[in-house]
Amino acid sequence: MKLDPTVTPYNSLNPQYQQESAMNPPTGLEYLLELESIKSLKHRYIRCMTLSLWDELESLLTEDAYSAYSDGKYVFEGRAALMDFLRNQHGGEVPTSLGYWQVGMPEITLDSHSSARGLWGMYHYYLDKQNDQQLEMFCYYEDEYRKEDGTWRISRTGYQRVMEQSLERNGSFTLNVG
């Protein structure tokens, strides 16, 4: 029998390890590495949203991804439905809007070796070029992550708005809190 050097008692290629680790979250250095992988995933998600990199963004989501944006105003079941919305929402080939997202203050919980949850503070700036209006908001993103084929992906995402302010660039201003 030839041994496969890529399979060790403690890595994800070992079927016994996969079964045992599904019930117990990682610890120690492995825990920290998984947290960093999830942080990197969320940062890529934000970069792709900001730069309209839709094909790359699609690869960050599970096929059955669920999303609820704007306090549940926009709800999508499945990656294809979400991606269709995002590709059409931002003006297509000639963007009529500009969006910028920034996330921080992550609270990540590893439930197992293949599932996790995250809570992120988010600042969002949106400029509607056609209507000369800007919107700023602070929200909390709530995510769920699933590890598929050794890669973390977003399986559920959405946000709850805390504060929003709107400014028509002709001078009028509104502020909504809560």
N, C-alpha and C. Protein backbone atom coordinates (compact mmCIF):
# COMPACT_ATOMS: atom_id res chain seq x y z
N MET A 1 0.84 -1.18 0.00
CA MET A 1 0.00 0.00 0.00
C MET A 1 0.88 1.24 0.00
N LYS A 2 0.59 2.17 -0.92
CA LYS A 2 1.35 3.40 -0.99
C LYS A 2 0.62 4.48 -0.20
N LEU A 3 1.34 5.19 0.64
CA LEU A 3 0.75 6.26 1.43
C LEU A 3 0.67 7.55 0.62
N ASP A 4 -0.41 8.25 0.79
CA ASP A 4 -0.57 9.56 0.15
C ASP A 4 -0.03 10.60 1.12
N PRO A 5 1.07 11.29 0.76
CA PRO A 5 1.67 12.25 1.69
C PRO A 5 0.81 13.46 1.97
N THR A 6 -0.22 13.68 1.15
CA THR A 6 -1.09 14.84 1.41
C THR A 6 -2.14 14.54 2.46
N VAL A 7 -2.33 13.27 2.81
CA VAL A 7 -3.33 12.90 3.82
C VAL A 7 -2.62 12.58 5.13
N THR A 8 -2.87 13.39 6.12
CA THR A 8 -2.32 13.15 7.45
C THR A 8 -3.48 12.97 8.41
N PRO A 9 -3.24 12.48 9.61
CA PRO A 9 -4.35 12.29 10.54
C PRO A 9 -5.09 13.58 10.86
N TYR A 10 -4.46 14.74 10.64
CA TYR A 10 -5.08 15.99 11.07
C TYR A 10 -5.34 16.97 9.94
N ASN A 11 -5.55 16.49 8.74
CA ASN A 11 -5.89 17.46 7.71
C ASN A 11 -7.21 17.12 7.05
N SER A 12 -7.71 18.09 6.27
CA SER A 12 -9.07 17.98 5.74
C SER A 12 -9.22 16.92 4.65
N LEU A 13 -8.13 16.33 4.15
CA LEU A 13 -8.25 15.28 3.15
C LEU A 13 -8.52 13.91 3.78
N ASN A 14 -8.34 13.80 5.06
CA ASN A 14 -8.55 12.53 5.76
C ASN A 14 -10.04 12.39 6.09
N PRO A 15 -10.74 11.37 5.54
CA PRO A 15 -12.18 11.23 5.78
C PRO A 15 -12.54 11.11 7.26
N GLN A 16 -11.74 10.41 8.03
CA GLN A 16 -12.03 10.27 9.46
C GLN A 16 -11.94 11.63 10.14
N TYR A 17 -10.96 12.43 9.77
CA TYR A 17 -10.81 13.77 10.34
C TYR A 17 -12.00 14.64 9.95
N GLN A 18 -12.46 14.51 8.69
CA GLN A 18 -13.61 15.30 8.24
C GLN A 18 -14.83 14.99 9.10
N GLN A 19 -15.08 13.72 9.36
CA GLN A 19 -16.24 13.31 10.14
C GLN A 19 -16.13 13.80 11.59
N GLU A 20 -14.98 13.62 12.21
CA GLU A 20 -14.79 14.04 13.59
C GLU A 20 -14.82 15.56 13.73
N SER A 21 -14.23 16.27 12.79
CA SER A 21 -14.11 17.71 12.92
C SER A 21 -15.40 18.44 12.58
N ALA A 22 -16.33 17.78 11.90
CA ALA A 22 -17.58 18.44 11.56
C ALA A 22 -18.35 18.84 12.81
N MET A 23 -18.14 18.13 13.91
CA MET A 23 -18.87 18.40 15.14
C MET A 23 -18.13 19.36 16.07
N ASN A 24 -16.85 19.52 15.91
CA ASN A 24 -16.06 20.33 16.83
C ASN A 24 -15.36 21.45 16.09
N PRO A 25 -15.49 22.68 16.56
CA PRO A 25 -14.78 23.77 15.89
C PRO A 25 -13.27 23.64 16.09
N PRO A 26 -12.50 24.22 15.19
CA PRO A 26 -11.04 24.16 15.32
C PRO A 26 -10.57 24.94 16.55
N THR A 27 -9.37 24.64 16.97
CA THR A 27 -8.78 25.34 18.12
C THR A 27 -7.36 25.76 17.77
N GLY A 28 -6.77 26.55 18.64
CA GLY A 28 -5.37 26.94 18.49
C GLY A 28 -5.07 27.66 17.20
N LEU A 29 -3.94 27.33 16.61
CA LEU A 29 -3.50 27.98 15.38
C LEU A 29 -4.49 27.76 14.25
N GLU A 30 -5.05 26.58 14.17
CA GLU A 30 -6.03 26.30 13.11
C GLU A 30 -7.23 27.25 13.23
N TYR A 31 -7.67 27.52 14.45
CA TYR A 31 -8.77 28.45 14.70
C TYR A 31 -8.43 29.84 14.13
N LEU A 32 -7.23 30.32 14.45
CA LEU A 32 -6.81 31.64 13.98
C LEU A 32 -6.70 31.69 12.46
N LEU A 33 -6.20 30.62 11.85
CA LEU A 33 -6.08 30.58 10.39
C LEU A 33 -7.46 30.59 9.73
N GLU A 34 -8.42 29.88 10.31
CA GLU A 34 -9.78 29.87 9.76
C GLU A 34 -10.41 31.25 9.89
N LEU A 35 -10.21 31.92 11.02
CA LEU A 35 -10.73 33.29 11.18
C LEU A 35 -10.17 34.21 10.10
N GLU A 36 -8.87 34.12 9.86
CA GLU A 36 -8.25 34.97 8.84
C GLU A 36 -8.78 34.65 7.45
N SER A 37 -9.06 33.39 7.18
CA SER A 37 -9.64 33.01 5.88
C SER A 37 -11.02 33.63 5.70
N ILE A 38 -11.81 33.63 6.76
CA ILE A 38 -13.15 34.22 6.68
C ILE A 38 -13.07 35.73 6.55
N LYS A 39 -12.16 36.36 7.26
CA LYS A 39 -11.98 37.81 7.12
C LYS A 39 -11.59 38.15 5.68
N SER A 40 -10.68 37.38 5.12
CA SER A 40 -10.24 37.61 3.75
C SER A 40 -11.40 37.43 2.77
N LEU A 41 -12.24 36.44 3.00
CA LEU A 41 -13.43 36.21 2.17
C LEU A 41 -14.33 37.44 2.19
N LYS A 42 -14.61 37.98 3.37
CA LYS A 42 -15.49 39.15 3.47
C LYS A 42 -14.85 40.36 2.79
N HIS A 43 -13.55 40.53 2.94
CA HIS A 43 -12.88 41.66 2.30
C HIS A 43 -12.93 41.53 0.78
N ARG A 44 -12.78 40.31 0.26
CA ARG A 44 -12.90 40.11 -1.19
C ARG A 44 -14.32 40.42 -1.66
N TYR A 45 -15.30 40.00 -0.87
CA TYR A 45 -16.71 40.28 -1.18
C TYR A 45 -16.92 41.79 -1.32
N ILE A 46 -16.41 42.56 -0.37
CA ILE A 46 -16.57 44.02 -0.39
C ILE A 46 -15.84 44.62 -1.58
N ARG A 47 -14.62 44.17 -1.85
CA ARG A 47 -13.87 44.67 -3.00
C ARG A 47 -14.61 44.39 -4.31
N CYS A 48 -15.14 43.20 -4.44
CA CYS A 48 -15.87 42.84 -5.66
C CYS A 48 -17.14 43.67 -5.81
N MET A 49 -17.83 43.92 -4.71
CA MET A 49 -19.03 44.78 -4.77
C MET A 49 -18.64 46.18 -5.23
N THR A 50 -17.59 46.74 -4.63
CA THR A 50 -17.18 48.11 -4.94
C THR A 50 -16.73 48.26 -6.39
N LEU A 51 -15.98 47.29 -6.89
CA LEU A 51 -15.42 47.37 -8.24
C LEU A 51 -16.27 46.68 -9.30
N SER A 52 -17.45 46.18 -8.91
CA SER A 52 -18.36 45.48 -9.84
C SER A 52 -17.69 44.30 -10.51
N LEU A 53 -16.95 43.52 -9.74
CA LEU A 53 -16.29 42.30 -10.25
C LEU A 53 -17.23 41.12 -10.05
N TRP A 54 -18.25 41.05 -10.87
CA TRP A 54 -19.36 40.13 -10.64
C TRP A 54 -18.96 38.67 -10.76
N ASP A 55 -18.12 38.32 -11.71
CA ASP A 55 -17.72 36.92 -11.85
C ASP A 55 -16.93 36.45 -10.63
N GLU A 56 -16.03 37.29 -10.14
CA GLU A 56 -15.28 36.93 -8.94
C GLU A 56 -16.19 36.87 -7.73
N LEU A 57 -17.11 37.83 -7.62
CA LEU A 57 -18.05 37.82 -6.50
C LEU A 57 -18.88 36.54 -6.49
N GLU A 58 -19.31 36.12 -7.66
CA GLU A 58 -20.12 34.90 -7.76
C GLU A 58 -19.38 33.70 -7.19
N SER A 59 -18.06 33.65 -7.37
CA SER A 59 -17.28 32.52 -6.89
C SER A 59 -17.14 32.51 -5.36
N LEU A 60 -17.51 33.60 -4.70
CA LEU A 60 -17.40 33.70 -3.24
C LEU A 60 -18.67 33.23 -2.53
N LEU A 61 -19.70 32.91 -3.30
CA LEU A 61 -21.01 32.55 -2.74
C LEU A 61 -21.31 31.07 -2.97
N THR A 62 -22.02 30.47 -2.03
CA THR A 62 -22.50 29.11 -2.25
C THR A 62 -23.63 29.16 -3.29
N GLU A 63 -23.87 28.06 -3.94
CA GLU A 63 -24.93 28.02 -4.95
C GLU A 63 -26.29 28.34 -4.35
N ASP A 64 -26.52 27.92 -3.11
CA ASP A 64 -27.81 28.16 -2.45
C ASP A 64 -27.81 29.41 -1.57
N ALA A 65 -26.90 30.34 -1.84
CA ALA A 65 -26.76 31.55 -1.02
C ALA A 65 -28.09 32.29 -0.88
N TYR A 66 -28.32 32.77 0.31
CA TYR A 66 -29.51 33.56 0.64
C TYR A 66 -29.04 34.96 1.04
N SER A 67 -29.71 35.99 0.56
CA SER A 67 -29.32 37.35 0.93
C SER A 67 -30.55 38.20 1.17
N ALA A 68 -30.42 39.12 2.12
CA ALA A 68 -31.48 40.08 2.44
C ALA A 68 -30.81 41.43 2.70
N TYR A 69 -30.98 42.35 1.77
CA TYR A 69 -30.38 43.67 1.88
C TYR A 69 -31.45 44.70 2.23
N SER A 70 -31.00 45.85 2.71
CA SER A 70 -31.89 46.98 3.04
C SER A 70 -33.01 46.56 3.97
N ASP A 71 -32.62 45.93 5.08
CA ASP A 71 -33.58 45.51 6.11
C ASP A 71 -34.65 44.57 5.55
N GLY A 72 -34.28 43.74 4.59
CA GLY A 72 -35.21 42.77 4.02
C GLY A 72 -35.99 43.27 2.83
N LYS A 73 -35.72 44.49 2.37
CA LYS A 73 -36.42 45.02 1.19
C LYS A 73 -36.08 44.22 -0.06
N TYR A 74 -34.82 43.79 -0.15
CA TYR A 74 -34.36 42.99 -1.29
C TYR A 74 -33.91 41.63 -0.77
N VAL A 75 -34.66 40.59 -1.11
CA VAL A 75 -34.36 39.24 -0.65
C VAL A 75 -34.17 38.35 -1.87
N PHE A 76 -33.10 37.54 -1.83
CA PHE A 76 -32.78 36.67 -2.94
C PHE A 76 -32.43 35.29 -2.42
N GLU A 77 -33.01 34.28 -3.04
CA GLU A 77 -32.70 32.90 -2.70
C GLU A 77 -31.96 32.29 -3.86
N GLY A 78 -30.70 31.93 -3.62
CA GLY A 78 -29.86 31.34 -4.64
C GLY A 78 -28.89 32.36 -5.22
N ARG A 79 -27.69 31.88 -5.50
CA ARG A 79 -26.62 32.72 -6.05
C ARG A 79 -27.03 33.36 -7.37
N ALA A 80 -27.69 32.61 -8.24
CA ALA A 80 -28.05 33.13 -9.56
C ALA A 80 -28.99 34.34 -9.44
N ALA A 81 -29.98 34.26 -8.56
CA ALA A 81 -30.92 35.37 -8.38
C ALA A 81 -30.22 36.61 -7.84
N LEU A 82 -29.34 36.42 -6.87
CA LEU A 82 -28.60 37.55 -6.31
C LEU A 82 -27.70 38.19 -7.36
N MET A 83 -26.97 37.37 -8.10
CA MET A 83 -26.03 37.90 -9.08
C MET A 83 -26.77 38.64 -10.20
N ASP A 84 -27.94 38.16 -10.60
CA ASP A 84 -28.74 38.85 -11.61
C ASP A 84 -29.11 40.25 -11.12
N PHE A 85 -29.55 40.34 -9.87
CA PHE A 85 -29.89 41.63 -9.29
C PHE A 85 -28.68 42.56 -9.26
N LEU A 86 -27.56 42.08 -8.73
CA LEU A 86 -26.37 42.93 -8.59
C LEU A 86 -25.85 43.41 -9.94
N ARG A 87 -25.82 42.52 -10.91
CA ARG A 87 -25.31 42.90 -12.23
C ARG A 87 -26.19 43.99 -12.86
N ASN A 88 -27.48 43.96 -12.60
CA ASN A 88 -28.39 44.94 -13.20
C ASN A 88 -28.55 46.20 -12.34
N GLN A 89 -28.31 46.10 -11.06
CA GLN A 89 -28.54 47.20 -10.13
C GLN A 89 -27.54 48.34 -10.31
N HIS A 90 -26.34 48.04 -10.71
CA HIS A 90 -25.29 49.05 -10.73
C HIS A 90 -25.03 49.66 -12.10
N GLY A 91 -26.04 49.66 -12.95
CA GLY A 91 -25.94 50.42 -14.19
C GLY A 91 -25.33 49.73 -15.39
N GLY A 92 -25.04 48.46 -15.29
CA GLY A 92 -24.53 47.71 -16.44
C GLY A 92 -23.20 48.22 -16.94
N GLU A 93 -23.06 48.32 -18.25
CA GLU A 93 -21.78 48.69 -18.87
C GLU A 93 -21.38 50.13 -18.56
N VAL A 94 -22.36 51.03 -18.50
CA VAL A 94 -22.09 52.44 -18.18
C VAL A 94 -22.73 52.72 -16.83
N PRO A 95 -21.95 52.61 -15.76
CA PRO A 95 -22.52 52.76 -14.41
C PRO A 95 -23.17 54.13 -14.20
N THR A 96 -24.35 54.11 -13.63
CA THR A 96 -25.06 55.34 -13.30
C THR A 96 -24.98 55.60 -11.80
N SER A 97 -24.30 54.71 -11.09
CA SER A 97 -24.16 54.88 -9.65
C SER A 97 -22.77 54.44 -9.23
N LEU A 98 -22.39 54.89 -8.05
CA LEU A 98 -21.12 54.52 -7.47
C LEU A 98 -21.38 54.09 -6.04
N GLY A 99 -20.90 52.93 -5.68
CA GLY A 99 -21.08 52.44 -4.31
C GLY A 99 -19.73 52.11 -3.69
N TYR A 100 -19.63 52.39 -2.41
CA TYR A 100 -18.40 52.08 -1.67
C TYR A 100 -18.82 51.48 -0.33
N TRP A 101 -18.21 50.36 0.02
CA TRP A 101 -18.49 49.68 1.27
C TRP A 101 -17.21 49.55 2.06
N GLN A 102 -17.34 49.63 3.36
CA GLN A 102 -16.19 49.37 4.24
C GLN A 102 -16.72 48.60 5.44
N VAL A 103 -16.05 47.48 5.76
CA VAL A 103 -16.48 46.67 6.90
C VAL A 103 -15.34 46.55 7.91
N GLY A 104 -15.70 46.35 9.15
CA GLY A 104 -14.72 46.17 10.21
C GLY A 104 -15.40 45.62 11.45
N MET A 105 -14.67 45.58 12.52
CA MET A 105 -15.17 45.10 13.82
C MET A 105 -15.80 43.71 13.72
N PRO A 106 -15.13 42.74 13.09
CA PRO A 106 -15.75 41.43 12.91
C PRO A 106 -15.90 40.67 14.23
N GLU A 107 -17.04 40.02 14.36
CA GLU A 107 -17.29 39.07 15.44
C GLU A 107 -17.59 37.74 14.74
N ILE A 108 -16.62 36.86 14.71
CA ILE A 108 -16.74 35.61 13.95
C ILE A 108 -16.79 34.44 14.92
N THR A 109 -17.76 33.56 14.70
CA THR A 109 -17.91 32.35 15.50
C THR A 109 -17.76 31.14 14.59
N LEU A 110 -16.79 30.29 14.89
CA LEU A 110 -16.62 29.04 14.15
C LEU A 110 -17.47 27.98 14.84
N ASP A 111 -18.51 27.52 14.17
CA ASP A 111 -19.40 26.51 14.74
C ASP A 111 -18.84 25.11 14.56
N SER A 112 -18.09 24.92 13.49
CA SER A 112 -17.45 23.63 13.20
C SER A 112 -16.33 23.90 12.21
N HIS A 113 -15.74 22.86 11.69
CA HIS A 113 -14.69 23.03 10.69
C HIS A 113 -15.26 23.47 9.34
N SER A 114 -16.57 23.41 9.19
CA SER A 114 -17.16 23.75 7.90
C SER A 114 -18.29 24.77 7.98
N SER A 115 -18.55 25.33 9.15
CA SER A 115 -19.58 26.36 9.25
C SER A 115 -19.17 27.42 10.26
N ALA A 116 -19.57 28.66 9.94
CA ALA A 116 -19.23 29.79 10.80
C ALA A 116 -20.27 30.88 10.60
N ARG A 117 -20.26 31.82 11.55
CA ARG A 117 -21.14 32.99 11.49
C ARG A 117 -20.31 34.24 11.73
N GLY A 118 -20.74 35.35 11.15
CA GLY A 118 -20.02 36.59 11.34
C GLY A 118 -20.94 37.78 11.45
N LEU A 119 -20.53 38.75 12.23
CA LEU A 119 -21.22 40.02 12.39
C LEU A 119 -20.19 41.11 12.12
N TRP A 120 -20.52 42.05 11.23
CA TRP A 120 -19.58 43.08 10.79
C TRP A 120 -20.26 44.44 10.82
N GLY A 121 -19.55 45.46 11.32
CA GLY A 121 -20.01 46.82 11.16
C GLY A 121 -19.70 47.26 9.74
N MET A 122 -20.64 47.97 9.10
CA MET A 122 -20.45 48.37 7.72
C MET A 122 -20.83 49.83 7.50
N TYR A 123 -19.95 50.55 6.82
CA TYR A 123 -20.26 51.90 6.34
C TYR A 123 -20.46 51.79 4.83
N HIS A 124 -21.50 52.45 4.32
CA HIS A 124 -21.79 52.39 2.89
C HIS A 124 -22.05 53.79 2.36
N TYR A 125 -21.40 54.11 1.26
CA TYR A 125 -21.61 55.37 0.55
C TYR A 125 -22.13 55.02 -0.83
N TYR A 126 -23.20 55.68 -1.24
CA TYR A 126 -23.81 55.41 -2.54
C TYR A 126 -24.08 56.74 -3.23
N LEU A 127 -23.66 56.85 -4.48
CA LEU A 127 -23.91 58.05 -5.27
C LEU A 127 -24.71 57.67 -6.50
N ASP A 128 -25.90 58.25 -6.62
CA ASP A 128 -26.75 58.07 -7.79
C ASP A 128 -26.44 59.24 -8.73
N LYS A 129 -25.69 58.97 -9.77
CA LYS A 129 -25.23 60.03 -10.67
C LYS A 129 -26.38 60.65 -11.46
N GLN A 130 -27.35 59.84 -11.83
CA GLN A 130 -28.46 60.34 -12.64
C GLN A 130 -29.32 61.33 -11.87
N ASN A 131 -29.57 61.04 -10.59
CA ASN A 131 -30.44 61.90 -9.79
C ASN A 131 -29.67 62.85 -8.88
N ASP A 132 -28.36 62.85 -8.99
CA ASP A 132 -27.49 63.74 -8.21
C ASP A 132 -27.82 63.65 -6.72
N GLN A 133 -27.87 62.41 -6.24
CA GLN A 133 -28.22 62.16 -4.84
C GLN A 133 -27.18 61.22 -4.24
N GLN A 134 -26.85 61.45 -2.97
CA GLN A 134 -25.94 60.55 -2.28
C GLN A 134 -26.61 60.02 -1.03
N LEU A 135 -26.18 58.82 -0.64
CA LEU A 135 -26.73 58.13 0.52
C LEU A 135 -25.56 57.57 1.32
N GLU A 136 -25.62 57.73 2.61
CA GLU A 136 -24.62 57.13 3.50
C GLU A 136 -25.38 56.37 4.56
N MET A 137 -24.82 55.21 4.94
CA MET A 137 -25.48 54.46 6.00
C MET A 137 -24.47 53.66 6.80
N PHE A 138 -24.87 53.37 8.02
CA PHE A 138 -24.11 52.46 8.87
C PHE A 138 -25.04 51.31 9.19
N CYS A 139 -24.54 50.08 9.03
CA CYS A 139 -25.35 48.88 9.20
C CYS A 139 -24.52 47.82 9.92
N TYR A 140 -25.20 46.77 10.31
CA TYR A 140 -24.52 45.56 10.76
C TYR A 140 -24.85 44.44 9.80
N TYR A 141 -23.82 43.92 9.16
CA TYR A 141 -23.95 42.74 8.31
C TYR A 141 -23.98 41.50 9.19
N GLU A 142 -24.85 40.56 8.86
CA GLU A 142 -24.86 39.24 9.49
C GLU A 142 -24.66 38.21 8.39
N ASP A 143 -23.62 37.42 8.54
CA ASP A 143 -23.27 36.42 7.53
C ASP A 143 -23.24 35.02 8.12
N GLU A 144 -23.41 34.05 7.24
CA GLU A 144 -23.13 32.65 7.56
C GLU A 144 -22.18 32.16 6.47
N TYR A 145 -21.24 31.34 6.87
CA TYR A 145 -20.22 30.84 5.96
C TYR A 145 -20.22 29.32 5.98
N ARG A 146 -19.90 28.75 4.82
CA ARG A 146 -19.80 27.30 4.72
C ARG A 146 -18.53 26.97 3.95
N LYS A 147 -17.81 25.99 4.45
CA LYS A 147 -16.59 25.56 3.78
C LYS A 147 -16.95 24.43 2.82
N GLU A 148 -16.66 24.66 1.54
CA GLU A 148 -16.94 23.69 0.49
C GLU A 148 -15.64 23.39 -0.26
N ASP A 149 -15.29 22.14 -0.35
CA ASP A 149 -14.06 21.73 -1.05
C ASP A 149 -12.85 22.51 -0.52
N GLY A 150 -12.81 22.72 0.78
CA GLY A 150 -11.68 23.37 1.41
C GLY A 150 -11.66 24.89 1.31
N THR A 151 -12.73 25.48 0.78
CA THR A 151 -12.79 26.93 0.59
C THR A 151 -14.01 27.50 1.29
N TRP A 152 -13.81 28.55 2.09
CA TRP A 152 -14.92 29.24 2.74
C TRP A 152 -15.70 30.05 1.71
N ARG A 153 -17.03 29.97 1.78
CA ARG A 153 -17.91 30.76 0.93
C ARG A 153 -19.04 31.34 1.78
N ILE A 154 -19.63 32.39 1.30
CA ILE A 154 -20.76 33.02 1.99
C ILE A 154 -22.03 32.26 1.60
N SER A 155 -22.76 31.77 2.59
CA SER A 155 -24.00 31.04 2.33
C SER A 155 -25.23 31.87 2.68
N ARG A 156 -25.04 32.89 3.49
CA ARG A 156 -26.16 33.75 3.89
C ARG A 156 -25.58 35.11 4.26
N THR A 157 -26.22 36.17 3.77
CA THR A 157 -25.74 37.51 4.09
C THR A 157 -26.90 38.49 4.08
N GLY A 158 -26.75 39.53 4.83
CA GLY A 158 -27.75 40.59 4.88
C GLY A 158 -27.36 41.60 5.94
N TYR A 159 -28.06 42.71 5.96
CA TYR A 159 -27.70 43.71 6.94
C TYR A 159 -28.92 44.39 7.53
N GLN A 160 -28.71 44.89 8.74
CA GLN A 160 -29.71 45.67 9.45
C GLN A 160 -29.19 47.09 9.56
N ARG A 161 -29.97 48.03 9.09
CA ARG A 161 -29.58 49.43 9.07
C ARG A 161 -29.66 50.04 10.47
N VAL A 162 -28.65 50.80 10.84
CA VAL A 162 -28.63 51.52 12.11
C VAL A 162 -28.90 53.01 11.87
N MET A 163 -28.25 53.56 10.86
CA MET A 163 -28.40 54.97 10.54
C MET A 163 -28.27 55.16 9.04
N GLU A 164 -29.05 56.09 8.51
CA GLU A 164 -28.97 56.42 7.09
C GLU A 164 -29.16 57.91 6.93
N GLN A 165 -28.36 58.50 6.07
CA GLN A 165 -28.58 59.90 5.73
C GLN A 165 -28.55 60.05 4.22
N SER A 166 -29.41 60.92 3.74
CA SER A 166 -29.54 61.15 2.32
C SER A 166 -29.29 62.63 2.04
N LEU A 167 -28.59 62.89 0.96
CA LEU A 167 -28.27 64.27 0.60
C LEU A 167 -28.48 64.42 -0.89
N GLU A 168 -29.38 65.31 -1.24
CA GLU A 168 -29.49 65.66 -2.65
C GLU A 168 -28.41 66.69 -2.88
N ARG A 169 -27.61 66.46 -3.87
CA ARG A 169 -26.41 67.28 -4.06
C ARG A 169 -26.75 68.70 -4.48
N ASN A 170 -28.04 69.01 -4.57
CA ASN A 170 -28.46 70.38 -4.83
C ASN A 170 -28.66 71.15 -3.51
N GLY A 171 -28.42 70.45 -2.36
CA GLY A 171 -28.45 71.17 -1.09
C GLY A 171 -29.39 70.62 -0.02
N SER A 172 -30.41 69.83 -0.35
CA SER A 172 -31.31 69.35 0.70
C SER A 172 -30.73 68.11 1.37
N PHE A 173 -31.09 67.90 2.63
CA PHE A 173 -30.46 66.88 3.45
C PHE A 173 -31.50 66.23 4.35
N THR A 174 -31.46 64.89 4.48
CA THR A 174 -32.34 64.19 5.43
C THR A 174 -31.49 63.20 6.22
N LEU A 175 -31.90 62.97 7.46
CA LEU A 175 -31.22 62.02 8.34
C LEU A 175 -32.24 61.12 8.98
N ASN A 176 -32.06 59.80 8.85
CA ASN A 176 -32.94 58.82 9.49
C ASN A 176 -32.08 57.96 10.41
N VAL A 177 -32.50 57.81 11.65
CA VAL A 177 -31.79 57.01 12.62
C VAL A 177 -32.69 55.87 13.05
N GLY A 178 -32.12 54.63 13.08
CA GLY A 178 -32.87 53.47 13.57
C GLY A 178 -33.64 52.75 12.57
